[in-house]
PDB file of N, CA and C in Angstrom:
ATOM      1  N   MET A   1      13.233  25.421  99.838  1.00  0.00           N
ATOM      2  CA  MET A   1      14.073  26.245 100.676  1.00  0.00           C
ATOM      3  C   MET A   1      13.195  27.241 101.412  1.00  0.00           C
ATOM      4  N   GLY A   2      13.630  27.654 102.560  1.00  0.00           N
ATOM      5  CA  GLY A   2      12.834  28.536 103.390  1.00  0.00           C
ATOM      6  C   GLY A   2      13.009  29.998 103.038  1.00  0.00           C
ATOM      7  N   GLU A   3      12.642  30.813 103.974  1.00  0.00           N
ATOM      8  CA  GLU A   3      12.694  32.258 103.825  1.00  0.00           C
ATOM      9  C   GLU A   3      14.156  32.732 103.770  1.00  0.00           C
ATOM     10  N   LYS A   4      14.401  33.748 102.937  1.00  0.00           N
ATOM     11  CA  LYS A   4      15.745  34.311 102.810  1.00  0.00           C
ATOM     12  C   LYS A   4      15.684  35.815 103.068  1.00  0.00           C
ATOM     13  N   PRO A   5      16.785  36.398 103.526  1.00  0.00           N
ATOM     14  CA  PRO A   5      16.821  37.847 103.757  1.00  0.00           C
ATOM     15  C   PRO A   5      17.065  38.595 102.440  1.00  0.00           C
ATOM     16  N   THR A   6      16.034  38.662 101.607  1.00  0.00           N
ATOM     17  CA  THR A   6      16.212  39.219 100.266  1.00  0.00           C
ATOM     18  C   THR A   6      16.486  40.722 100.281  1.00  0.00           C
ATOM     19  N   ALA A   7      15.886  41.461 101.209  1.00  0.00           N
ATOM     20  CA  ALA A   7      16.141  42.908 101.262  1.00  0.00           C
ATOM     21  C   ALA A   7      17.602  43.172 101.624  1.00  0.00           C
ATOM     22  N   ALA A   8      18.120  42.435 102.597  1.00  0.00           N
ATOM     23  CA  ALA A   8      19.522  42.592 102.990  1.00  0.00           C
ATOM     24  C   ALA A   8      20.443  42.215 101.837  1.00  0.00           C
ATOM     25  N   PHE A   9      20.096  41.138 101.129  1.00  0.00           N
ATOM     26  CA  PHE A   9      20.893  40.710  99.983  1.00  0.00           C
ATOM     27  C   PHE A   9      20.874  41.754  98.879  1.00  0.00           C
ATOM     28  N   ALA A  10      19.700  42.255  98.541  1.00  0.00           N
ATOM     29  CA  ALA A  10      19.579  43.206  97.431  1.00  0.00           C
ATOM     30  C   ALA A  10      20.342  44.493  97.728  1.00  0.00           C
ATOM     31  N   LEU A  11      20.195  45.024  98.934  1.00  0.00           N
ATOM     32  CA  LEU A  11      20.893  46.257  99.284  1.00  0.00           C
ATOM     33  C   LEU A  11      22.406  46.045  99.314  1.00  0.00           C
ATOM     34  N   SER A  12      22.846  44.923  99.850  1.00  0.00           N
ATOM     35  CA  SER A  12      24.277  44.631  99.900  1.00  0.00           C
ATOM     36  C   SER A  12      24.838  44.428  98.498  1.00  0.00           C
ATOM     37  N   LEU A  13      24.071  43.771  97.639  1.00  0.00           N
ATOM     38  CA  LEU A  13      24.516  43.521  96.269  1.00  0.00           C
ATOM     39  C   LEU A  13      24.662  44.834  95.493  1.00  0.00           C
ATOM     40  N   VAL A  14      23.666  45.689  95.573  1.00  0.00           N
ATOM     41  CA  VAL A  14      23.732  46.971  94.867  1.00  0.00           C
ATOM     42  C   VAL A  14      24.861  47.832  95.442  1.00  0.00           C
ATOM     43  N   GLY A  15      25.025  47.800  96.761  1.00  0.00           N
ATOM     44  CA  GLY A  15      26.129  48.527  97.386  1.00  0.00           C
ATOM     45  C   GLY A  15      27.479  48.013  96.909  1.00  0.00           C
ATOM     46  N   ALA A  16      27.611  46.684  96.803  1.00  0.00           N
ATOM     47  CA  ALA A  16      28.863  46.088  96.318  1.00  0.00           C
ATOM     48  C   ALA A  16      29.142  46.493  94.876  1.00  0.00           C
ATOM     49  N   ILE A  17      28.095  46.545  94.049  1.00  0.00           N
ATOM     50  CA  ILE A  17      28.283  46.957  92.655  1.00  0.00           C
ATOM     51  C   ILE A  17      28.774  48.396  92.596  1.00  0.00           C
ATOM     52  N   PHE A  18      28.190  49.281  93.408  1.00  0.00           N
ATOM     53  CA  PHE A  18      28.651  50.670  93.449  1.00  0.00           C
ATOM     54  C   PHE A  18      30.100  50.749  93.942  1.00  0.00           C
ATOM     55  N   MET A  19      30.445  49.924  94.931  1.00  0.00           N
ATOM     56  CA  MET A  19      31.813  49.948  95.446  1.00  0.00           C
ATOM     57  C   MET A  19      32.810  49.467  94.407  1.00  0.00           C
ATOM     58  N   ILE A  20      32.458  48.418  93.674  1.00  0.00           N
ATOM     59  CA  ILE A  20      33.343  47.912  92.626  1.00  0.00           C
ATOM     60  C   ILE A  20      33.498  48.953  91.517  1.00  0.00           C
ATOM     61  N   LEU A  21      32.392  49.553  91.109  1.00  0.00           N
ATOM     62  CA  LEU A  21      32.476  50.601  90.084  1.00  0.00           C
ATOM     63  C   LEU A  21      33.287  51.793  90.572  1.00  0.00           C
ATOM     64  N   GLY A  22      33.082  52.196  91.817  1.00  0.00           N
ATOM     65  CA  GLY A  22      33.842  53.303  92.388  1.00  0.00           C
ATOM     66  C   GLY A  22      35.328  52.994  92.448  1.00  0.00           C
ATOM     67  N   GLY A  23      35.673  51.768  92.824  1.00  0.00           N
ATOM     68  CA  GLY A  23      37.079  51.369  92.862  1.00  0.00           C
ATOM     69  C   GLY A  23      37.699  51.352  91.479  1.00  0.00           C
ATOM     70  N   LEU A  24      36.939  50.837  90.491  1.00  0.00           N
ATOM     71  CA  LEU A  24      37.442  50.823  89.117  1.00  0.00           C
ATOM     72  C   LEU A  24      37.650  52.229  88.580  1.00  0.00           C
ATOM     73  N   VAL A  25      36.649  53.073  88.750  1.00  0.00           N
ATOM     74  CA  VAL A  25      36.752  54.451  88.256  1.00  0.00           C
ATOM     75  C   VAL A  25      37.901  55.170  88.942  1.00  0.00           C
ATOM     76  N   SER A  26      38.015  54.998  90.242  1.00  0.00           N
ATOM     77  CA  SER A  26      39.071  55.651  91.000  1.00  0.00           C
ATOM     78  C   SER A  26      40.442  55.164  90.545  1.00  0.00           C
ATOM     79  N   ALA A  27      40.605  53.855  90.399  1.00  0.00           N
ATOM     80  CA  ALA A  27      41.901  53.308  89.991  1.00  0.00           C
ATOM     81  C   ALA A  27      42.268  53.746  88.578  1.00  0.00           C
ATOM     82  N   ILE A  28      41.305  53.762  87.677  1.00  0.00           N
ATOM     83  CA  ILE A  28      41.591  54.148  86.293  1.00  0.00           C
ATOM     84  C   ILE A  28      41.920  55.633  86.200  1.00  0.00           C
ATOM     85  N   LEU A  29      41.092  56.469  86.806  1.00  0.00           N
ATOM     86  CA  LEU A  29      41.342  57.910  86.719  1.00  0.00           C
ATOM     87  C   LEU A  29      42.641  58.305  87.407  1.00  0.00           C
ATOM     88  N   VAL A  30      42.900  57.713  88.545  1.00  0.00           N
ATOM     89  CA  VAL A  30      44.120  58.065  89.265  1.00  0.00           C
ATOM     90  C   VAL A  30      45.347  57.540  88.530  1.00  0.00           C
ATOM     91  N   SER A  31      45.235  56.372  87.894  1.00  0.00           N
ATOM     92  CA  SER A  31      46.385  55.879  87.145  1.00  0.00           C
ATOM     93  C   SER A  31      46.667  56.771  85.943  1.00  0.00           C
ATOM     94  N   ILE A  32      45.647  57.354  85.360  1.00  0.00           N
ATOM     95  CA  ILE A  32      45.849  58.275  84.239  1.00  0.00           C
ATOM     96  C   ILE A  32      46.454  59.581  84.733  1.00  0.00           C
ATOM     97  N   PHE A  33      45.850  60.161  85.778  1.00  0.00           N
ATOM     98  CA  PHE A  33      46.298  61.464  86.253  1.00  0.00           C
ATOM     99  C   PHE A  33      47.412  61.369  87.296  1.00  0.00           C
ATOM    100  N   GLY A  34      47.680  60.166  87.785  1.00  0.00           N
ATOM    101  CA  GLY A  34      48.754  59.994  88.766  1.00  0.00           C
ATOM    102  C   GLY A  34      50.118  60.281  88.183  1.00  0.00           C
ATOM    103  N   GLY A  35      50.254  60.072  86.885  1.00  0.00           N
ATOM    104  CA  GLY A  35      51.522  60.385  86.233  1.00  0.00           C
ATOM    105  C   GLY A  35      51.836  61.860  86.285  1.00  0.00           C
ATOM    106  N   PHE A  36      50.817  62.687  86.206  1.00  0.00           N
ATOM    107  CA  PHE A  36      51.036  64.124  86.294  1.00  0.00           C
ATOM    108  C   PHE A  36      51.473  64.531  87.693  1.00  0.00           C
ATOM    109  N   ILE A  37      50.927  63.860  88.687  1.00  0.00           N
ATOM    110  CA  ILE A  37      51.293  64.182  90.063  1.00  0.00           C
ATOM    111  C   ILE A  37      52.726  63.753  90.342  1.00  0.00           C
ATOM    112  N   SER A  38      53.142  62.619  89.743  1.00  0.00           N
ATOM    113  CA  SER A  38      54.486  62.118  90.019  1.00  0.00           C
ATOM    114  C   SER A  38      55.576  62.994  89.417  1.00  0.00           C
ATOM    115  N   ILE A  39      55.230  63.900  88.512  1.00  0.00           N
ATOM    116  CA  ILE A  39      56.211  64.806  87.915  1.00  0.00           C
ATOM    117  C   ILE A  39      56.691  65.828  88.943  1.00  0.00           C
ATOM    118  N   VAL A  40      55.804  66.253  89.831  1.00  0.00           N
ATOM    119  CA  VAL A  40      56.131  67.285  90.817  1.00  0.00           C
ATOM    120  C   VAL A  40      57.105  66.709  91.840  1.00  0.00           C
ATOM    121  N   PRO A  41      58.263  67.334  92.000  1.00  0.00           N
ATOM    122  CA  PRO A  41      59.245  66.798  92.947  1.00  0.00           C
ATOM    123  C   PRO A  41      58.748  66.882  94.392  1.00  0.00           C
ATOM    124  N   GLY A  42      59.010  65.818  95.134  1.00  0.00           N
ATOM    125  CA  GLY A  42      58.668  65.811  96.550  1.00  0.00           C
ATOM    126  C   GLY A  42      57.317  65.208  96.881  1.00  0.00           C
ATOM    127  N   ILE A  43      56.384  65.195  95.941  1.00  0.00           N
ATOM    128  CA  ILE A  43      55.057  64.628  96.237  1.00  0.00           C
ATOM    129  C   ILE A  43      54.685  63.525  95.248  1.00  0.00           C
ATOM    130  N   GLY A  44      55.659  62.943  94.603  1.00  0.00           N
ATOM    131  CA  GLY A  44      55.402  61.882  93.633  1.00  0.00           C
ATOM    132  C   GLY A  44      54.763  60.645  94.247  1.00  0.00           C
ATOM    133  N   TRP A  45      54.983  60.434  95.526  1.00  0.00           N
ATOM    134  CA  TRP A  45      54.425  59.264  96.205  1.00  0.00           C
ATOM    135  C   TRP A  45      52.909  59.342  96.338  1.00  0.00           C
ATOM    136  N   ILE A  46      52.336  60.529  96.234  1.00  0.00           N
ATOM    137  CA  ILE A  46      50.887  60.681  96.391  1.00  0.00           C
ATOM    138  C   ILE A  46      50.139  59.963  95.268  1.00  0.00           C
ATOM    139  N   GLY A  47      50.675  60.012  94.039  1.00  0.00           N
ATOM    140  CA  GLY A  47      50.041  59.318  92.912  1.00  0.00           C
ATOM    141  C   GLY A  47      49.960  57.816  93.152  1.00  0.00           C
ATOM    142  N   GLY A  48      51.062  57.235  93.653  1.00  0.00           N
ATOM    143  CA  GLY A  48      51.070  55.799  93.960  1.00  0.00           C
ATOM    144  C   GLY A  48      50.111  55.448  95.078  1.00  0.00           C
ATOM    145  N   LEU A  49      50.047  56.308  96.069  1.00  0.00           N
ATOM    146  CA  LEU A  49      49.128  56.084  97.189  1.00  0.00           C
ATOM    147  C   LEU A  49      47.676  56.119  96.720  1.00  0.00           C
ATOM    148  N   MET A  50      47.374  57.022  95.814  1.00  0.00           N
ATOM    149  CA  MET A  50      46.002  57.129  95.308  1.00  0.00           C
ATOM    150  C   MET A  50      45.632  55.897  94.474  1.00  0.00           C
ATOM    151  N   ILE A  51      46.575  55.358  93.719  1.00  0.00           N
ATOM    152  CA  ILE A  51      46.317  54.134  92.951  1.00  0.00           C
ATOM    153  C   ILE A  51      46.045  52.976  93.908  1.00  0.00           C
ATOM    154  N   ILE A  52      46.842  52.867  94.971  1.00  0.00           N
ATOM    155  CA  ILE A  52      46.639  51.802  95.959  1.00  0.00           C
ATOM    156  C   ILE A  52      45.265  51.932  96.609  1.00  0.00           C
ATOM    157  N   MET A  53      44.832  53.147  96.898  1.00  0.00           N
ATOM    158  CA  MET A  53      43.505  53.338  97.497  1.00  0.00           C
ATOM    159  C   MET A  53      42.400  52.917  96.525  1.00  0.00           C
ATOM    160  N   GLY A  54      42.567  53.181  95.241  1.00  0.00           N
ATOM    161  CA  GLY A  54      41.578  52.734  94.256  1.00  0.00           C
ATOM    162  C   GLY A  54      41.505  51.220  94.167  1.00  0.00           C
ATOM    163  N   ILE A  55      42.669  50.571  94.211  1.00  0.00           N
ATOM    164  CA  ILE A  55      42.700  49.109  94.160  1.00  0.00           C
ATOM    165  C   ILE A  55      42.100  48.520  95.432  1.00  0.00           C
ATOM    166  N   LEU A  56      42.388  49.124  96.586  1.00  0.00           N
ATOM    167  CA  LEU A  56      41.780  48.663  97.835  1.00  0.00           C
ATOM    168  C   LEU A  56      40.261  48.798  97.787  1.00  0.00           C
ATOM    169  N   GLY A  57      39.765  49.886  97.227  1.00  0.00           N
ATOM    170  CA  GLY A  57      38.322  50.057  97.081  1.00  0.00           C
ATOM    171  C   GLY A  57      37.710  48.961  96.227  1.00  0.00           C
ATOM    172  N   LEU A  58      38.413  48.568  95.176  1.00  0.00           N
ATOM    173  CA  LEU A  58      37.945  47.478  94.312  1.00  0.00           C
ATOM    174  C   LEU A  58      37.938  46.149  95.065  1.00  0.00           C
ATOM    175  N   ILE A  59      38.997  45.858  95.788  1.00  0.00           N
ATOM    176  CA  ILE A  59      39.083  44.606  96.552  1.00  0.00           C
ATOM    177  C   ILE A  59      38.012  44.553  97.638  1.00  0.00           C
ATOM    178  N   PHE A  60      37.823  45.663  98.350  1.00  0.00           N
ATOM    179  CA  PHE A  60      36.809  45.693  99.400  1.00  0.00           C
ATOM    180  C   PHE A  60      35.415  45.528  98.807  1.00  0.00           C
ATOM    181  N   GLY A  61      35.175  46.082  97.625  1.00  0.00           N
ATOM    182  CA  GLY A  61      33.886  45.896  96.953  1.00  0.00           C
ATOM    183  C   GLY A  61      33.631  44.442  96.601  1.00  0.00           C
ATOM    184  N   ILE A  62      34.675  43.735  96.169  1.00  0.00           N
ATOM    185  CA  ILE A  62      34.534  42.309  95.842  1.00  0.00           C
ATOM    186  C   ILE A  62      34.227  41.512  97.111  1.00  0.00           C
ATOM    187  N   ILE A  63      34.862  41.861  98.224  1.00  0.00           N
ATOM    188  CA  ILE A  63      34.584  41.160  99.485  1.00  0.00           C
ATOM    189  C   ILE A  63      33.153  41.428  99.943  1.00  0.00           C
ATOM    190  N   VAL A  64      32.665  42.646  99.745  1.00  0.00           N
ATOM    191  CA  VAL A  64      31.263  42.946 100.078  1.00  0.00           C
ATOM    192  C   VAL A  64      30.332  42.123  99.193  1.00  0.00           C
ATOM    193  N   LEU A  65      30.688  41.927  97.934  1.00  0.00           N
ATOM    194  CA  LEU A  65      29.895  41.084  97.035  1.00  0.00           C
ATOM    195  C   LEU A  65      29.851  39.642  97.537  1.00  0.00           C
ATOM    196  N   ILE A  66      30.972  39.132  98.014  1.00  0.00           N
ATOM    197  CA  ILE A  66      31.010  37.779  98.578  1.00  0.00           C
ATOM    198  C   ILE A  66      30.119  37.710  99.818  1.00  0.00           C
ATOM    199  N   GLY A  67      30.157  38.741 100.654  1.00  0.00           N
ATOM    200  CA  GLY A  67      29.293  38.783 101.826  1.00  0.00           C
ATOM    201  C   GLY A  67      27.822  38.812 101.450  1.00  0.00           C
ATOM    202  N   ALA A  68      27.488  39.533 100.369  1.00  0.00           N
ATOM    203  CA  ALA A  68      26.092  39.585  99.920  1.00  0.00           C
ATOM    204  C   ALA A  68      25.622  38.210  99.468  1.00  0.00           C
ATOM    205  N   VAL A  69      26.482  37.471  98.786  1.00  0.00           N
ATOM    206  CA  VAL A  69      26.116  36.113  98.357  1.00  0.00           C
ATOM    207  C   VAL A  69      25.931  35.216  99.573  1.00  0.00           C
ATOM    208  N   MET A  70      26.766  35.396 100.588  1.00  0.00           N
ATOM    209  CA  MET A  70      26.602  34.612 101.820  1.00  0.00           C
ATOM    210  C   MET A  70      25.283  34.944 102.514  1.00  0.00           C
ATOM    211  N   ILE A  71      24.882  36.210 102.470  1.00  0.00           N
ATOM    212  CA  ILE A  71      23.608  36.601 103.066  1.00  0.00           C
ATOM    213  C   ILE A  71      22.460  35.893 102.363  1.00  0.00           C
ATOM    214  N   TYR A  72      22.544  35.735 101.050  1.00  0.00           N
ATOM    215  CA  TYR A  72      21.457  35.138 100.288  1.00  0.00           C
ATOM    216  C   TYR A  72      21.320  33.629 100.521  1.00  0.00           C
ATOM    217  N   SER A  73      22.313  33.004 101.148  1.00  0.00           N
ATOM    218  CA  SER A  73      22.238  31.556 101.370  1.00  0.00           C
ATOM    219  C   SER A  73      21.053  31.176 102.247  1.00  0.00           C
ATOM    220  N   GLY A  74      20.658  32.037 103.168  1.00  0.00           N
ATOM    221  CA  GLY A  74      19.517  31.757 104.028  1.00  0.00           C
ATOM    222  C   GLY A  74      19.859  30.962 105.273  1.00  0.00           C
ATOM    223  N   GLU A  75      21.092  30.452 105.373  1.00  0.00           N
ATOM    224  CA  GLU A  75      21.504  29.739 106.578  1.00  0.00           C
ATOM    225  C   GLU A  75      21.899  30.772 107.634  1.00  0.00           C
ATOM    226  N   ARG A  76      21.422  30.564 108.827  1.00  0.00           N
ATOM    227  CA  ARG A  76      21.593  31.568 109.884  1.00  0.00           C
ATOM    228  C   ARG A  76      23.057  31.941 110.110  1.00  0.00           C
ATOM    229  N   GLY A  77      23.952  30.975 110.160  1.00  0.00           N
ATOM    230  CA  GLY A  77      25.370  31.248 110.389  1.00  0.00           C
ATOM    231  C   GLY A  77      26.010  32.008 109.241  1.00  0.00           C
ATOM    232  N   LYS A  78      25.685  31.593 108.014  1.00  0.00           N
ATOM    233  CA  LYS A  78      26.250  32.271 106.846  1.00  0.00           C
ATOM    234  C   LYS A  78      25.692  33.679 106.691  1.00  0.00           C
ATOM    235  N   VAL A  79      24.429  33.860 107.034  1.00  0.00           N
ATOM    236  CA  VAL A  79      23.829  35.200 106.951  1.00  0.00           C
ATOM    237  C   VAL A  79      24.533  36.138 107.931  1.00  0.00           C
ATOM    238  N   ARG A  80      24.783  35.661 109.128  1.00  0.00           N
ATOM    239  CA  ARG A  80      25.464  36.492 110.131  1.00  0.00           C
ATOM    240  C   ARG A  80      26.895  36.802 109.690  1.00  0.00           C
ATOM    241  N   THR A  81      27.623  35.797 109.205  1.00  0.00           N
ATOM    242  CA  THR A  81      28.996  36.013 108.750  1.00  0.00           C
ATOM    243  C   THR A  81      29.033  36.963 107.562  1.00  0.00           C
ATOM    244  N   GLY A  82      28.137  36.765 106.602  1.00  0.00           N
ATOM    245  CA  GLY A  82      28.080  37.642 105.443  1.00  0.00           C
ATOM    246  C   GLY A  82      27.730  39.069 105.821  1.00  0.00           C
ATOM    247  N   SER A  83      26.830  39.223 106.775  1.00  0.00           N
ATOM    248  CA  SER A  83      26.442  40.564 107.227  1.00  0.00           C
ATOM    249  C   SER A  83      27.610  41.278 107.889  1.00  0.00           C
ATOM    250  N   ILE A  84      28.369  40.546 108.687  1.00  0.00           N
ATOM    251  CA  ILE A  84      29.535  41.140 109.339  1.00  0.00           C
ATOM    252  C   ILE A  84      30.583  41.532 108.298  1.00  0.00           C
ATOM    253  N   LEU A  85      30.785  40.675 107.289  1.00  0.00           N
ATOM    254  CA  LEU A  85      31.707  41.015 106.201  1.00  0.00           C
ATOM    255  C   LEU A  85      31.265  42.291 105.489  1.00  0.00           C
ATOM    256  N   VAL A  86      29.976  42.363 105.178  1.00  0.00           N
ATOM    257  CA  VAL A  86      29.446  43.532 104.472  1.00  0.00           C
ATOM    258  C   VAL A  86      29.644  44.793 105.303  1.00  0.00           C
ATOM    259  N   LEU A  87      29.341  44.726 106.587  1.00  0.00           N
ATOM    260  CA  LEU A  87      29.496  45.906 107.452  1.00  0.00           C
ATOM    261  C   LEU A  87      30.952  46.357 107.553  1.00  0.00           C
ATOM    262  N   ILE A  88      31.842  45.427 107.849  1.00  0.00           N
ATOM    263  CA  ILE A  88      33.245  45.780 108.062  1.00  0.00           C
ATOM    264  C   ILE A  88      33.860  46.355 106.788  1.00  0.00           C
ATOM    265  N   PHE A  89      33.641  45.672 105.662  1.00  0.00           N
ATOM    266  CA  PHE A  89      34.309  46.112 104.449  1.00  0.00           C
ATOM    267  C   PHE A  89      33.610  47.300 103.790  1.00  0.00           C
ATOM    268  N   SER A  90      32.374  47.565 104.143  1.00  0.00           N
ATOM    269  CA  SER A  90      31.736  48.808 103.694  1.00  0.00           C
ATOM    270  C   SER A  90      32.388  50.005 104.382  1.00  0.00           C
ATOM    271  N   VAL A  91      32.621  49.867 105.685  1.00  0.00           N
ATOM    272  CA  VAL A  91      33.273  50.948 106.425  1.00  0.00           C
ATOM    273  C   VAL A  91      34.721  51.120 105.951  1.00  0.00           C
ATOM    274  N   LEU A  92      35.432  49.998 105.743  1.00  0.00           N
ATOM    275  CA  LEU A  92      36.803  50.094 105.252  1.00  0.00           C
ATOM    276  C   LEU A  92      36.854  50.719 103.861  1.00  0.00           C
ATOM    277  N   ASN A  93      35.851  50.427 103.033  1.00  0.00           N
ATOM    278  CA  ASN A  93      35.804  51.015 101.703  1.00  0.00           C
ATOM    279  C   ASN A  93      35.593  52.523 101.793  1.00  0.00           C
ATOM    280  N   LEU A  94      34.818  52.961 102.744  1.00  0.00           N
ATOM    281  CA  LEU A  94      34.618  54.397 102.912  1.00  0.00           C
ATOM    282  C   LEU A  94      35.916  55.075 103.348  1.00  0.00           C
ATOM    283  N   ILE A  95      36.671  54.411 104.226  1.00  0.00           N
ATOM    284  CA  ILE A  95      37.895  55.011 104.756  1.00  0.00           C
ATOM    285  C   ILE A  95      39.037  54.942 103.743  1.00  0.00           C
ATOM    286  N   PHE A  96      39.284  53.758 103.170  1.00  0.00           N
ATOM    287  CA  PHE A  96      40.458  53.549 102.322  1.00  0.00           C
ATOM    288  C   PHE A  96      40.163  53.560 100.833  1.00  0.00           C
ATOM    289  N   GLY A  97      38.913  53.473 100.450  1.00  0.00           N
ATOM    290  CA  GLY A  97      38.561  53.468  99.034  1.00  0.00           C
ATOM    291  C   GLY A  97      37.715  54.679  98.707  1.00  0.00           C
ATOM    292  N   SER A  98      36.895  54.521  97.701  1.00  0.00           N
ATOM    293  CA  SER A  98      36.035  55.633  97.297  1.00  0.00           C
ATOM    294  C   SER A  98      34.695  55.607  98.021  1.00  0.00           C
ATOM    295  N   GLY A  99      34.404  54.515  98.710  1.00  0.00           N
ATOM    296  CA  GLY A  99      33.119  54.396  99.394  1.00  0.00           C
ATOM    297  C   GLY A  99      31.990  54.071  98.443  1.00  0.00           C
ATOM    298  N   GLY A 100      32.319  53.719  97.211  1.00  0.00           N
ATOM    299  CA  GLY A 100      31.270  53.399  96.235  1.00  0.00           C
ATOM    300  C   GLY A 100      30.394  54.593  95.942  1.00  0.00           C
ATOM    301  N   PHE A 101      31.047  55.741  95.722  1.00  0.00           N
ATOM    302  CA  PHE A 101      30.342  57.003  95.489  1.00  0.00           C
ATOM    303  C   PHE A 101      29.449  57.347  96.684  1.00  0.00           C
ATOM    304  N   ILE A 102      29.811  56.927  97.858  1.00  0.00           N
ATOM    305  CA  ILE A 102      29.126  57.115  99.139  1.00  0.00           C
ATOM    306  C   ILE A 102      27.814  56.315  99.200  1.00  0.00           C
ATOM    307  N   ILE A 103      27.081  56.234  98.109  1.00  0.00           N
ATOM    308  CA  ILE A 103      25.818  55.486  98.113  1.00  0.00           C
ATOM    309  C   ILE A 103      26.084  53.993  98.319  1.00  0.00           C
ATOM    310  N   GLY A 104      27.207  53.490  97.810  1.00  0.00           N
ATOM    311  CA  GLY A 104      27.563  52.090  98.026  1.00  0.00           C
ATOM    312  C   GLY A 104      27.801  51.796  99.495  1.00  0.00           C
ATOM    313  N   PHE A 105      28.459  52.733 100.176  1.00  0.00           N
ATOM    314  CA  PHE A 105      28.682  52.575 101.614  1.00  0.00           C
ATOM    315  C   PHE A 105      27.359  52.546 102.370  1.00  0.00           C
ATOM    316  N   ILE A 106      26.465  53.475 102.028  1.00  0.00           N
ATOM    317  CA  ILE A 106      25.176  53.565 102.734  1.00  0.00           C
ATOM    318  C   ILE A 106      24.349  52.299 102.502  1.00  0.00           C
ATOM    319  N   LEU A 107      24.286  51.833 101.255  1.00  0.00           N
ATOM    320  CA  LEU A 107      23.520  50.621 100.956  1.00  0.00           C
ATOM    321  C   LEU A 107      24.141  49.397 101.620  1.00  0.00           C
ATOM    322  N   GLY A 108      25.473  49.309 101.627  1.00  0.00           N
ATOM    323  CA  GLY A 108      26.142  48.200 102.300  1.00  0.00           C
ATOM    324  C   GLY A 108      25.884  48.208 103.792  1.00  0.00           C
ATOM    325  N   LEU A 109      25.901  49.387 104.383  1.00  0.00           N
ATOM    326  CA  LEU A 109      25.650  49.514 105.811  1.00  0.00           C
ATOM    327  C   LEU A 109      24.228  49.064 106.162  1.00  0.00           C
ATOM    328  N   ILE A 110      23.258  49.529 105.405  1.00  0.00           N
ATOM    329  CA  ILE A 110      21.863  49.152 105.665  1.00  0.00           C
ATOM    330  C   ILE A 110      21.662  47.660 105.416  1.00  0.00           C
ATOM    331  N   GLY A 111      22.225  47.138 104.307  1.00  0.00           N
ATOM    332  CA  GLY A 111      22.092  45.710 104.012  1.00  0.00           C
ATOM    333  C   GLY A 111      22.731  44.837 105.072  1.00  0.00           C
ATOM    334  N   GLY A 112      23.899  45.238 105.571  1.00  0.00           N
ATOM    335  CA  GLY A 112      24.563  44.468 106.623  1.00  0.00           C
ATOM    336  C   GLY A 112      23.769  44.473 107.918  1.00  0.00           C
ATOM    337  N   ILE A 113      23.198  45.612 108.266  1.00  0.00           N
ATOM    338  CA  ILE A 113      22.386  45.685 109.484  1.00  0.00           C
ATOM    339  C   ILE A 113      21.125  44.841 109.338  1.00  0.00           C
ATOM    340  N   LEU A 114      20.480  44.917 108.166  1.00  0.00           N
ATOM    341  CA  LEU A 114      19.289  44.084 107.946  1.00  0.00           C
ATOM    342  C   LEU A 114      19.618  42.602 108.022  1.00  0.00           C
ATOM    343  N   GLY A 115      20.786  42.228 107.522  1.00  0.00           N
ATOM    344  CA  GLY A 115      21.201  40.827 107.610  1.00  0.00           C
ATOM    345  C   GLY A 115      21.462  40.388 109.032  1.00  0.00           C
ATOM    346  N   LEU A 116      22.007  41.289 109.848  1.00  0.00           N
ATOM    347  CA  LEU A 116      22.278  40.930 111.241  1.00  0.00           C
ATOM    348  C   LEU A 116      21.005  40.766 112.056  1.00  0.00           C
ATOM    349  N   VAL A 117      19.984  41.563 111.782  1.00  0.00           N
ATOM    350  CA  VAL A 117      18.757  41.478 112.576  1.00  0.00           C
ATOM    351  C   VAL A 117      17.756  40.479 112.004  1.00  0.00           C
ATOM    352  N   TRP A 118      18.062  39.855 110.861  1.00  0.00           N
ATOM    353  CA  TRP A 118      17.147  38.902 110.231  1.00  0.00           C
ATOM    354  C   TRP A 118      17.048  37.634 111.071  1.00  0.00           C
ATOM    355  N   LYS A 119      15.814  37.186 111.223  1.00  0.00           N
ATOM    356  CA  LYS A 119      15.559  35.921 111.912  1.00  0.00           C
ATOM    357  C   LYS A 119      14.633  35.099 111.029  1.00  0.00           C
ATOM    358  N   PRO A 120      15.006  33.860 110.769  1.00  0.00           N
ATOM    359  CA  PRO A 120      14.136  33.036 109.932  1.00  0.00           C
ATOM    360  C   PRO A 120      12.826  32.726 110.646  1.00  0.00           C
ATOM    361  N   ALA A 121      11.792  32.519 109.854  1.00  0.00           N
ATOM    362  CA  ALA A 121      10.488  32.177 110.418  1.00  0.00           C
ATOM    363  C   ALA A 121      10.588  30.801 111.080  1.00  0.00           C
ATOM    364  N   GLU A 122       9.945  30.689 112.218  1.00  0.00           N
ATOM    365  CA  GLU A 122       9.961  29.405 112.916  1.00  0.00           C
ATOM    366  C   GLU A 122       9.036  28.424 112.228  1.00  0.00           C
ATOM    367  N   ALA A 123       9.409  27.176 112.250  1.00  0.00           N
ATOM    368  CA  ALA A 123       8.589  26.139 111.658  1.00  0.00           C
ATOM    369  C   ALA A 123       7.310  25.966 112.472  1.00  0.00           C
ATOM    370  N   PRO A 124       6.169  25.767 111.814  1.00  0.00           N
ATOM    371  CA  PRO A 124       4.930  25.588 112.586  1.00  0.00           C
ATOM    372  C   PRO A 124       5.004  24.294 113.391  1.00  0.00           C
ATOM    373  N   PRO A 125       4.359  24.285 114.544  1.00  0.00           N
ATOM    374  CA  PRO A 125       4.396  23.067 115.369  1.00  0.00           C
ATOM    375  C   PRO A 125       3.617  21.938 114.661  1.00  0.00           C
ATOM    376  N   PRO A 126       4.026  20.712 114.905  1.00  0.00           N
ATOM    377  CA  PRO A 126       3.319  19.581 114.263  1.00  0.00           C
ATOM    378  C   PRO A 126       1.890  19.479 114.793  1.00  0.00           C
ATOM    379  N   PRO A 127       0.979  19.011 113.933  1.00  0.00           N
ATOM    380  CA  PRO A 127      -0.411  18.890 114.390  1.00  0.00           C
ATOM    381  C   PRO A 127      -0.539  17.831 115.491  1.00  0.00           C
ATOM    382  N   PRO A 128      -1.473  18.031 116.393  1.00  0.00           N
ATOM    383  CA  PRO A 128      -1.655  17.040 117.471  1.00  0.00           C
ATOM    384  C   PRO A 128      -2.147  15.710 116.898  1.00  0.00           C
ATOM    385  N   ALA A 129      -1.672  14.658 117.493  1.00  0.00           N
ATOM    386  CA  ALA A 129      -2.037  13.330 117.003  1.00  0.00           C
ATOM    387  C   ALA A 129      -3.236  12.760 117.720  1.00  0.00           C
TER     388      ALA A 129
END
């Protein structure tokens, strides 16, 4: 197999792990403390909204993980598609999720950009006959 964008893969993978952990922590903590928020009349919906945001952060982290695996394939089309997935869902995770403790967003962003600018090495020309 040829050259692969390992730096883009590694950064995207670590970013995805942070995003998944951030989504899990957010969903668990909010589900525990969301019950206290729902007691207050008039703002009970905020607890449910916070749980949904934690679950969205978890889902977006899993999609970034899938994009990182696509980046590691080394095929030009899959690398580009995986990089776009990583970029889009890293930004969405920052907006709607926890952002993977912010470091997950930053690593996903850098990994996605590295995947987009990656170009495989050209094959050497055949020797003259």
